[in-house]
């Protein structure tokens, strides 16, 4: 049998590549954290923190609208994630299990919506939200984020549901369940990895988005976290210490959500990529 062991040189090269890649990945968030602990006068210093301080964090929490932005973002993200997961899952299940007129155009439509960049969509969406009177209202961002996340997630959930045996649905119908009952009681418990991926993608879409939040929301009391960051650094002033401190606090919820969902992410992505 052929020897599959790596040569010492290949092993050294592999480990060196992994170490360099890890350092490149870790450096930006680490430097962000370091900068947030520096006094404002040392924000641009390349030295490691000499006199660490939490003054930037105290300033952000006490003297800005950060907590208001956090509340706005949390409300929008929770509603968007719940609706996004439900709509994407039911859409993916429908196109996976049923055959109906217009199914193929629907799938193409979901795909085509992913082709348009944000810059093209901002103006028409702004006009729509203005006509509906939704500007400066959370519903504007919730609807917009759903239009971004649901098409991709529906395609992904369709691929995931394709891997779940149809016999489970048939057993549910034999037991007297209607299609939604079969979906909710039998299929959803088996689809947790796919739902975790969908939830995480929808969460990140809403939590980190800047362009729509800046265009549709004005006034500091209406801003989300990502849009609020721009108030620290603009063409008139630059408060890098406060911005980095705010960025670190914004990253904490995303890290917690990722830590909760990561055990399902690999299983969900790989299952949705294959068909049994």
C-alpha atoms as a PDB file:
ATOM      1  CA  UNK A   1       0.000   0.000   0.000  1.00  0.00           C
ATOM      2  CA  UNK A   2       1.276   3.412  -0.931  1.00  0.00           C
ATOM      3  CA  UNK A   3       2.772   5.396   1.966  1.00  0.00           C
ATOM      4  CA  UNK A   4       0.572   8.448   2.606  1.00  0.00           C
ATOM      5  CA  UNK A   5       2.871  10.115   5.146  1.00  0.00           C
ATOM      6  CA  UNK A   6       4.050  13.639   4.374  1.00  0.00           C
ATOM      7  CA  UNK A   7       7.702  14.441   4.003  1.00  0.00           C
ATOM      8  CA  UNK A   8       9.246  16.649   6.728  1.00  0.00           C
ATOM      9  CA  UNK A   9       9.528  19.551   4.275  1.00  0.00           C
ATOM     10  CA  UNK A  10       5.861  19.284   3.277  1.00  0.00           C
ATOM     11  CA  UNK A  11       4.798  19.109   6.918  1.00  0.00           C
ATOM     12  CA  UNK A  12       6.853  22.208   7.791  1.00  0.00           C
ATOM     13  CA  UNK A  13       5.371  24.080   4.824  1.00  0.00           C
ATOM     14  CA  UNK A  14       1.823  23.107   5.789  1.00  0.00           C
ATOM     15  CA  UNK A  15       2.225  24.152   9.415  1.00  0.00           C
ATOM     16  CA  UNK A  16       3.945  27.404   8.445  1.00  0.00           C
ATOM     17  CA  UNK A  17       1.073  28.230   6.074  1.00  0.00           C
ATOM     18  CA  UNK A  18      -1.496  27.506   8.773  1.00  0.00           C
ATOM     19  CA  UNK A  19       0.348  29.653  11.302  1.00  0.00           C
ATOM     20  CA  UNK A  20       0.607  32.578   8.882  1.00  0.00           C
ATOM     21  CA  UNK A  21      -3.068  32.266   7.888  1.00  0.00           C
ATOM     22  CA  UNK A  22      -4.103  32.174  11.548  1.00  0.00           C
ATOM     23  CA  UNK A  23      -2.003  35.242  12.344  1.00  0.00           C
ATOM     24  CA  UNK A  24      -3.532  37.154   9.418  1.00  0.00           C
ATOM     25  CA  UNK A  25      -7.043  36.209  10.575  1.00  0.00           C
ATOM     26  CA  UNK A  26      -6.466  37.057  14.249  1.00  0.00           C
ATOM     27  CA  UNK A  27      -4.504  40.307  13.823  1.00  0.00           C
ATOM     28  CA  UNK A  28      -7.359  42.712  12.814  1.00  0.00           C
ATOM     29  CA  UNK A  29      -9.740  41.906  15.721  1.00  0.00           C
ATOM     30  CA  UNK A  30      -6.804  41.758  18.135  1.00  0.00           C
ATOM     31  CA  UNK A  31      -5.547  45.174  17.039  1.00  0.00           C
ATOM     32  CA  UNK A  32      -9.109  46.522  17.285  1.00  0.00           C
ATOM     33  CA  UNK A  33      -9.246  45.358  20.896  1.00  0.00           C
ATOM     34  CA  UNK A  34      -5.812  46.810  21.657  1.00  0.00           C
ATOM     35  CA  UNK A  35      -6.724  50.188  20.149  1.00  0.00           C
ATOM     36  CA  UNK A  36      -9.945  50.334  22.159  1.00  0.00           C
ATOM     37  CA  UNK A  37      -7.900  50.072  25.378  1.00  0.00           C
ATOM     38  CA  UNK A  38      -5.549  52.924  24.470  1.00  0.00           C
ATOM     39  CA  UNK A  39      -5.997  56.549  25.549  1.00  0.00           C
ATOM     40  CA  UNK A  40      -7.231  58.745  22.707  1.00  0.00           C
ATOM     41  CA  UNK A  41      -3.836  60.425  22.416  1.00  0.00           C
ATOM     42  CA  UNK A  42      -2.243  57.042  21.609  1.00  0.00           C
ATOM     43  CA  UNK A  43      -4.856  55.753  19.165  1.00  0.00           C
ATOM     44  CA  UNK A  44      -2.451  55.854  16.204  1.00  0.00           C
ATOM     45  CA  UNK A  45       0.527  54.549  18.148  1.00  0.00           C
ATOM     46  CA  UNK A  46       1.925  51.220  16.987  1.00  0.00           C
ATOM     47  CA  UNK A  47       3.069  50.375  20.495  1.00  0.00           C
ATOM     48  CA  UNK A  48       1.327  47.765  22.576  1.00  0.00           C
ATOM     49  CA  UNK A  49      -0.910  49.244  25.271  1.00  0.00           C
ATOM     50  CA  UNK A  50       1.251  50.959  27.879  1.00  0.00           C
ATOM     51  CA  UNK A  51      -1.517  52.378  30.041  1.00  0.00           C
ATOM     52  CA  UNK A  52      -4.679  50.355  29.362  1.00  0.00           C
ATOM     53  CA  UNK A  53      -7.889  52.227  30.072  1.00  0.00           C
ATOM     54  CA  UNK A  54     -11.624  51.605  29.790  1.00  0.00           C
ATOM     55  CA  UNK A  55     -12.313  55.314  29.267  1.00  0.00           C
ATOM     56  CA  UNK A  56     -13.365  54.716  25.667  1.00  0.00           C
ATOM     57  CA  UNK A  57     -15.927  52.143  26.763  1.00  0.00           C
ATOM     58  CA  UNK A  58     -17.252  54.412  29.528  1.00  0.00           C
ATOM     59  CA  UNK A  59     -17.567  57.290  27.068  1.00  0.00           C
ATOM     60  CA  UNK A  60     -19.457  55.167  24.522  1.00  0.00           C
ATOM     61  CA  UNK A  61     -21.873  53.773  27.094  1.00  0.00           C
ATOM     62  CA  UNK A  62     -22.455  56.952  29.099  1.00  0.00           C
ATOM     63  CA  UNK A  63     -22.083  59.847  26.655  1.00  0.00           C
ATOM     64  CA  UNK A  64     -23.470  58.512  23.369  1.00  0.00           C
ATOM     65  CA  UNK A  65     -26.671  56.883  22.089  1.00  0.00           C
ATOM     66  CA  UNK A  66     -24.985  53.479  21.941  1.00  0.00           C
ATOM     67  CA  UNK A  67     -27.545  51.734  24.163  1.00  0.00           C
ATOM     68  CA  UNK A  68     -30.370  53.172  22.035  1.00  0.00           C
ATOM     69  CA  UNK A  69     -28.646  51.916  18.894  1.00  0.00           C
ATOM     70  CA  UNK A  70     -28.185  48.546  20.538  1.00  0.00           C
ATOM     71  CA  UNK A  71     -31.897  48.340  21.367  1.00  0.00           C
ATOM     72  CA  UNK A  72     -32.860  49.338  17.819  1.00  0.00           C
ATOM     73  CA  UNK A  73     -30.531  46.741  16.312  1.00  0.00           C
ATOM     74  CA  UNK A  74     -31.625  44.010  18.697  1.00  0.00           C
ATOM     75  CA  UNK A  75     -35.307  44.558  17.916  1.00  0.00           C
ATOM     76  CA  UNK A  76     -34.726  44.607  14.154  1.00  0.00           C
ATOM     77  CA  UNK A  77     -32.402  41.589  14.208  1.00  0.00           C
ATOM     78  CA  UNK A  78     -34.680  39.410  16.362  1.00  0.00           C
ATOM     79  CA  UNK A  79     -37.761  40.082  14.207  1.00  0.00           C
ATOM     80  CA  UNK A  80     -35.786  39.682  10.972  1.00  0.00           C
ATOM     81  CA  UNK A  81     -34.194  36.410  12.090  1.00  0.00           C
ATOM     82  CA  UNK A  82     -37.464  34.852  13.267  1.00  0.00           C
ATOM     83  CA  UNK A  83     -39.371  35.856  10.130  1.00  0.00           C
ATOM     84  CA  UNK A  84     -36.434  35.028   7.858  1.00  0.00           C
ATOM     85  CA  UNK A  85     -35.998  31.516   9.229  1.00  0.00           C
ATOM     86  CA  UNK A  86     -39.745  30.802   9.033  1.00  0.00           C
ATOM     87  CA  UNK A  87     -40.212  32.158   5.498  1.00  0.00           C
ATOM     88  CA  UNK A  88     -37.024  30.555   4.150  1.00  0.00           C
ATOM     89  CA  UNK A  89     -37.835  27.179   5.737  1.00  0.00           C
ATOM     90  CA  UNK A  90     -41.434  27.063   4.507  1.00  0.00           C
ATOM     91  CA  UNK A  91     -40.409  28.239   1.027  1.00  0.00           C
ATOM     92  CA  UNK A  92     -37.572  25.725   0.824  1.00  0.00           C
ATOM     93  CA  UNK A  93     -39.870  22.927   2.010  1.00  0.00           C
ATOM     94  CA  UNK A  94     -42.568  23.847  -0.510  1.00  0.00           C
ATOM     95  CA  UNK A  95     -40.255  23.835  -3.528  1.00  0.00           C
ATOM     96  CA  UNK A  96     -38.550  20.662  -2.284  1.00  0.00           C
ATOM     97  CA  UNK A  97     -41.688  18.604  -1.732  1.00  0.00           C
ATOM     98  CA  UNK A  98     -44.393  19.992  -4.011  1.00  0.00           C
ATOM     99  CA  UNK A  99     -44.727  20.537  -7.743  1.00  0.00           C
ATOM    100  CA  UNK A 100     -46.897  23.503  -8.714  1.00  0.00           C
ATOM    101  CA  UNK A 101     -47.251  25.918 -11.653  1.00  0.00           C
ATOM    102  CA  UNK A 102     -44.602  28.606 -11.581  1.00  0.00           C
ATOM    103  CA  UNK A 103     -42.206  26.679  -9.336  1.00  0.00           C
ATOM    104  CA  UNK A 104     -39.265  26.915 -11.729  1.00  0.00           C
ATOM    105  CA  UNK A 105     -39.740  30.658 -12.385  1.00  0.00           C
ATOM    106  CA  UNK A 106     -39.971  31.139  -8.614  1.00  0.00           C
ATOM    107  CA  UNK A 107     -36.640  29.432  -8.090  1.00  0.00           C
ATOM    108  CA  UNK A 108     -35.055  31.514 -10.853  1.00  0.00           C
ATOM    109  CA  UNK A 109     -36.543  34.654  -9.317  1.00  0.00           C
ATOM    110  CA  UNK A 110     -34.978  33.812  -5.957  1.00  0.00           C
ATOM    111  CA  UNK A 111     -31.635  33.391  -7.689  1.00  0.00           C
ATOM    112  CA  UNK A 112     -31.878  36.541  -9.799  1.00  0.00           C
ATOM    113  CA  UNK A 113     -32.539  38.727  -6.754  1.00  0.00           C
ATOM    114  CA  UNK A 114     -29.034  37.874  -5.519  1.00  0.00           C
ATOM    115  CA  UNK A 115     -27.453  39.373  -8.647  1.00  0.00           C
ATOM    116  CA  UNK A 116     -28.236  43.021  -7.894  1.00  0.00           C
ATOM    117  CA  UNK A 117     -25.693  44.991  -5.824  1.00  0.00           C
ATOM    118  CA  UNK A 118     -26.795  47.149  -2.912  1.00  0.00           C
ATOM    119  CA  UNK A 119     -25.918  50.385  -4.734  1.00  0.00           C
ATOM    120  CA  UNK A 120     -28.525  49.681  -7.423  1.00  0.00           C
ATOM    121  CA  UNK A 121     -31.295  48.791  -4.975  1.00  0.00           C
ATOM    122  CA  UNK A 122     -30.965  51.610  -2.446  1.00  0.00           C
ATOM    123  CA  UNK A 123     -32.745  54.283  -4.529  1.00  0.00           C
ATOM    124  CA  UNK A 124     -35.797  52.216  -5.592  1.00  0.00           C
ATOM    125  CA  UNK A 125     -36.150  50.744  -2.107  1.00  0.00           C
ATOM    126  CA  UNK A 126     -35.848  54.215  -0.596  1.00  0.00           C
ATOM    127  CA  UNK A 127     -38.639  55.462  -2.868  1.00  0.00           C
ATOM    128  CA  UNK A 128     -40.836  52.511  -1.899  1.00  0.00           C
ATOM    129  CA  UNK A 129     -40.239  53.037   1.814  1.00  0.00           C
ATOM    130  CA  UNK A 130     -40.892  56.753   1.441  1.00  0.00           C
ATOM    131  CA  UNK A 131     -44.183  56.103  -0.374  1.00  0.00           C
ATOM    132  CA  UNK A 132     -45.273  53.690   2.358  1.00  0.00           C
ATOM    133  CA  UNK A 133     -44.224  56.124   5.095  1.00  0.00           C
ATOM    134  CA  UNK A 134     -41.735  53.632   6.543  1.00  0.00           C
ATOM    135  CA  UNK A 135     -38.621  55.798   6.621  1.00  0.00           C
ATOM    136  CA  UNK A 136     -37.163  56.016  10.145  1.00  0.00           C
ATOM    137  CA  UNK A 137     -39.271  52.997  11.060  1.00  0.00           C
ATOM    138  CA  UNK A 138     -37.832  49.568  11.980  1.00  0.00           C
ATOM    139  CA  UNK A 139     -40.194  47.894   9.514  1.00  0.00           C
ATOM    140  CA  UNK A 140     -38.239  49.445   6.622  1.00  0.00           C
ATOM    141  CA  UNK A 141     -35.040  47.654   7.598  1.00  0.00           C
ATOM    142  CA  UNK A 142     -36.837  44.424   8.567  1.00  0.00           C
ATOM    143  CA  UNK A 143     -38.496  44.144   5.142  1.00  0.00           C
ATOM    144  CA  UNK A 144     -35.287  45.117   3.345  1.00  0.00           C
ATOM    145  CA  UNK A 145     -33.151  42.595   5.218  1.00  0.00           C
ATOM    146  CA  UNK A 146     -35.711  39.871   4.533  1.00  0.00           C
ATOM    147  CA  UNK A 147     -35.475  40.578   0.793  1.00  0.00           C
ATOM    148  CA  UNK A 148     -31.701  40.119   1.074  1.00  0.00           C
ATOM    149  CA  UNK A 149     -31.573  37.020   3.269  1.00  0.00           C
ATOM    150  CA  UNK A 150     -34.658  34.968   2.364  1.00  0.00           C
ATOM    151  CA  UNK A 151     -33.885  34.162  -1.313  1.00  0.00           C
ATOM    152  CA  UNK A 152     -30.439  32.723  -0.524  1.00  0.00           C
ATOM    153  CA  UNK A 153     -31.678  30.928   2.589  1.00  0.00           C
ATOM    154  CA  UNK A 154     -34.671  29.464   0.732  1.00  0.00           C
ATOM    155  CA  UNK A 155     -32.340  27.954  -1.868  1.00  0.00           C
ATOM    156  CA  UNK A 156     -30.133  26.567   0.867  1.00  0.00           C
ATOM    157  CA  UNK A 157     -33.078  25.108   2.800  1.00  0.00           C
ATOM    158  CA  UNK A 158     -34.440  23.547  -0.387  1.00  0.00           C
ATOM    159  CA  UNK A 159     -31.170  21.684  -0.833  1.00  0.00           C
ATOM    160  CA  UNK A 160     -31.254  20.618   2.813  1.00  0.00           C
ATOM    161  CA  UNK A 161     -34.849  19.357   2.663  1.00  0.00           C
ATOM    162  CA  UNK A 162     -33.944  17.352  -0.439  1.00  0.00           C
ATOM    163  CA  UNK A 163     -31.675  15.240   1.783  1.00  0.00           C
ATOM    164  CA  UNK A 164     -34.523  14.333   4.183  1.00  0.00           C
ATOM    165  CA  UNK A 165     -36.342  11.162   2.989  1.00  0.00           C
ATOM    166  CA  UNK A 166     -39.789  11.731   1.503  1.00  0.00           C
ATOM    167  CA  UNK A 167     -40.963   8.638   3.389  1.00  0.00           C
ATOM    168  CA  UNK A 168     -41.088  10.763   6.553  1.00  0.00           C
ATOM    169  CA  UNK A 169     -43.700  13.005   4.939  1.00  0.00           C
ATOM    170  CA  UNK A 170     -45.658   9.999   3.754  1.00  0.00           C
ATOM    171  CA  UNK A 171     -45.648   8.536   7.270  1.00  0.00           C
ATOM    172  CA  UNK A 172     -47.008  11.834   8.589  1.00  0.00           C
ATOM    173  CA  UNK A 173     -49.841  11.832   6.075  1.00  0.00           C
ATOM    174  CA  UNK A 174     -50.682   8.245   6.985  1.00  0.00           C
ATOM    175  CA  UNK A 175     -50.955   9.382  10.612  1.00  0.00           C
ATOM    176  CA  UNK A 176     -53.420  12.092   9.575  1.00  0.00           C
ATOM    177  CA  UNK A 177     -51.146  15.146   9.572  1.00  0.00           C
ATOM    178  CA  UNK A 178     -51.746  17.911   7.054  1.00  0.00           C
ATOM    179  CA  UNK A 179     -48.761  19.243   5.027  1.00  0.00           C
ATOM    180  CA  UNK A 180     -47.956  21.980   7.554  1.00  0.00           C
ATOM    181  CA  UNK A 181     -48.297  19.567  10.470  1.00  0.00           C
ATOM    182  CA  UNK A 182     -45.915  17.161   8.755  1.00  0.00           C
ATOM    183  CA  UNK A 183     -43.464  19.987   8.151  1.00  0.00           C
ATOM    184  CA  UNK A 184     -43.665  21.391  11.688  1.00  0.00           C
ATOM    185  CA  UNK A 185     -43.780  18.180  13.732  1.00  0.00           C
ATOM    186  CA  UNK A 186     -41.655  15.766  11.684  1.00  0.00           C
ATOM    187  CA  UNK A 187     -39.374  17.628   9.276  1.00  0.00           C
ATOM    188  CA  UNK A 188     -38.371  20.715  11.289  1.00  0.00           C
ATOM    189  CA  UNK A 189     -36.788  18.678  14.137  1.00  0.00           C
ATOM    190  CA  UNK A 190     -34.608  16.942  11.528  1.00  0.00           C
ATOM    191  CA  UNK A 191     -33.696  20.255   9.902  1.00  0.00           C
ATOM    192  CA  UNK A 192     -32.023  21.912  12.907  1.00  0.00           C
ATOM    193  CA  UNK A 193     -28.562  22.178  11.267  1.00  0.00           C
ATOM    194  CA  UNK A 194     -30.046  23.883   8.208  1.00  0.00           C
ATOM    195  CA  UNK A 195     -32.173  26.168  10.363  1.00  0.00           C
ATOM    196  CA  UNK A 196     -29.080  27.115  12.384  1.00  0.00           C
ATOM    197  CA  UNK A 197     -27.235  28.134   9.208  1.00  0.00           C
ATOM    198  CA  UNK A 198     -30.265  30.092   8.006  1.00  0.00           C
ATOM    199  CA  UNK A 199     -30.656  31.824  11.358  1.00  0.00           C
ATOM    200  CA  UNK A 200     -26.973  32.723  11.555  1.00  0.00           C
ATOM    201  CA  UNK A 201     -26.881  34.098   7.988  1.00  0.00           C
ATOM    202  CA  UNK A 202     -30.035  36.169   8.588  1.00  0.00           C
ATOM    203  CA  UNK A 203     -28.653  37.439  11.902  1.00  0.00           C
ATOM    204  CA  UNK A 204     -25.369  38.533  10.348  1.00  0.00           C
ATOM    205  CA  UNK A 205     -27.170  40.142   7.402  1.00  0.00           C
ATOM    206  CA  UNK A 206     -29.220  42.338   9.736  1.00  0.00           C
ATOM    207  CA  UNK A 207     -26.600  42.905  12.461  1.00  0.00           C
ATOM    208  CA  UNK A 208     -23.711  44.075  10.294  1.00  0.00           C
ATOM    209  CA  UNK A 209     -25.490  45.894   7.436  1.00  0.00           C
ATOM    210  CA  UNK A 210     -24.597  49.565   6.982  1.00  0.00           C
ATOM    211  CA  UNK A 211     -25.814  50.919   3.620  1.00  0.00           C
ATOM    212  CA  UNK A 212     -29.568  50.491   4.060  1.00  0.00           C
ATOM    213  CA  UNK A 213     -29.449  51.443   7.741  1.00  0.00           C
ATOM    214  CA  UNK A 214     -27.683  54.707   6.878  1.00  0.00           C
ATOM    215  CA  UNK A 215     -30.041  55.530   3.995  1.00  0.00           C
ATOM    216  CA  UNK A 216     -33.364  54.705   5.636  1.00  0.00           C
ATOM    217  CA  UNK A 217     -32.730  55.923   9.196  1.00  0.00           C
ATOM    218  CA  UNK A 218     -31.869  59.479  10.259  1.00  0.00           C
ATOM    219  CA  UNK A 219     -31.484  61.016  13.688  1.00  0.00           C
ATOM    220  CA  UNK A 220     -29.269  59.383  16.303  1.00  0.00           C
ATOM    221  CA  UNK A 221     -32.247  57.962  18.191  1.00  0.00           C
ATOM    222  CA  UNK A 222     -33.252  55.909  15.122  1.00  0.00           C
ATOM    223  CA  UNK A 223     -29.844  54.563  14.093  1.00  0.00           C
ATOM    224  CA  UNK A 224     -28.721  50.955  14.369  1.00  0.00           C
ATOM    225  CA  UNK A 225     -25.303  49.959  15.704  1.00  0.00           C
ATOM    226  CA  UNK A 226     -23.580  49.723  12.325  1.00  0.00           C
ATOM    227  CA  UNK A 227     -24.913  53.117  11.231  1.00  0.00           C
ATOM    228  CA  UNK A 228     -24.119  54.638  14.619  1.00  0.00           C
ATOM    229  CA  UNK A 229     -20.441  53.773  14.228  1.00  0.00           C
ATOM    230  CA  UNK A 230     -20.197  56.368  11.472  1.00  0.00           C
ATOM    231  CA  UNK A 231     -20.912  59.145  13.940  1.00  0.00           C
ATOM    232  CA  UNK A 232     -17.542  58.563  15.619  1.00  0.00           C
ATOM    233  CA  UNK A 233     -15.452  59.020  12.477  1.00  0.00           C
ATOM    234  CA  UNK A 234     -16.535  61.383   9.701  1.00  0.00           C
ATOM    235  CA  UNK A 235     -15.124  64.200   7.582  1.00  0.00           C
ATOM    236  CA  UNK A 236     -15.270  66.661  10.473  1.00  0.00           C
ATOM    237  CA  UNK A 237     -13.981  64.614  13.408  1.00  0.00           C
ATOM    238  CA  UNK A 238     -12.321  61.313  14.226  1.00  0.00           C
ATOM    239  CA  UNK A 239     -12.734  59.517  17.526  1.00  0.00           C
ATOM    240  CA  UNK A 240     -11.002  56.229  16.813  1.00  0.00           C
ATOM    241  CA  UNK A 241     -10.891  55.183  20.446  1.00  0.00           C
ATOM    242  CA  UNK A 242     -14.671  55.368  20.813  1.00  0.00           C
ATOM    243  CA  UNK A 243     -15.261  53.721  17.455  1.00  0.00           C
ATOM    244  CA  UNK A 244     -13.014  50.757  18.237  1.00  0.00           C
ATOM    245  CA  UNK A 245     -14.591  50.361  21.673  1.00  0.00           C
ATOM    246  CA  UNK A 246     -18.059  50.384  20.113  1.00  0.00           C
ATOM    247  CA  UNK A 247     -16.924  47.930  17.433  1.00  0.00           C
ATOM    248  CA  UNK A 248     -15.662  45.505  20.084  1.00  0.00           C
ATOM    249  CA  UNK A 249     -18.999  45.637  21.909  1.00  0.00           C
ATOM    250  CA  UNK A 250     -20.873  45.158  18.626  1.00  0.00           C
ATOM    251  CA  UNK A 251     -18.785  42.072  17.867  1.00  0.00           C
ATOM    252  CA  UNK A 252     -19.600  40.390  21.191  1.00  0.00           C
ATOM    253  CA  UNK A 253     -23.240  39.415  20.350  1.00  0.00           C
ATOM    254  CA  UNK A 254     -22.183  38.139  16.919  1.00  0.00           C
ATOM    255  CA  UNK A 255     -19.475  36.038  18.564  1.00  0.00           C
ATOM    256  CA  UNK A 256     -21.955  34.603  21.058  1.00  0.00           C
ATOM    257  CA  UNK A 257     -24.436  33.711  18.305  1.00  0.00           C
ATOM    258  CA  UNK A 258     -21.688  32.101  16.263  1.00  0.00           C
ATOM    259  CA  UNK A 259     -20.504  30.107  19.288  1.00  0.00           C
ATOM    260  CA  UNK A 260     -24.045  28.844  19.817  1.00  0.00           C
ATOM    261  CA  UNK A 261     -24.641  27.980  16.153  1.00  0.00           C
ATOM    262  CA  UNK A 262     -21.184  26.774  15.076  1.00  0.00           C
ATOM    263  CA  UNK A 263     -21.773  23.121  15.988  1.00  0.00           C
ATOM    264  CA  UNK A 264     -24.605  23.078  13.436  1.00  0.00           C
ATOM    265  CA  UNK A 265     -22.954  25.199  10.738  1.00  0.00           C
ATOM    266  CA  UNK A 266     -20.724  22.585   9.107  1.00  0.00           C
ATOM    267  CA  UNK A 267     -23.422  19.912   9.176  1.00  0.00           C
ATOM    268  CA  UNK A 268     -26.003  22.305   7.778  1.00  0.00           C
ATOM    269  CA  UNK A 269     -23.814  23.613   4.951  1.00  0.00           C
ATOM    270  CA  UNK A 270     -22.590  20.191   3.855  1.00  0.00           C
ATOM    271  CA  UNK A 271     -26.026  18.580   4.074  1.00  0.00           C
ATOM    272  CA  UNK A 272     -27.528  21.308   1.956  1.00  0.00           C
ATOM    273  CA  UNK A 273     -24.835  20.849  -0.666  1.00  0.00           C
ATOM    274  CA  UNK A 274     -25.580  17.180  -1.366  1.00  0.00           C
ATOM    275  CA  UNK A 275     -28.620  15.172  -2.306  1.00  0.00           C
ATOM    276  CA  UNK A 276     -29.301  11.650  -1.179  1.00  0.00           C
END
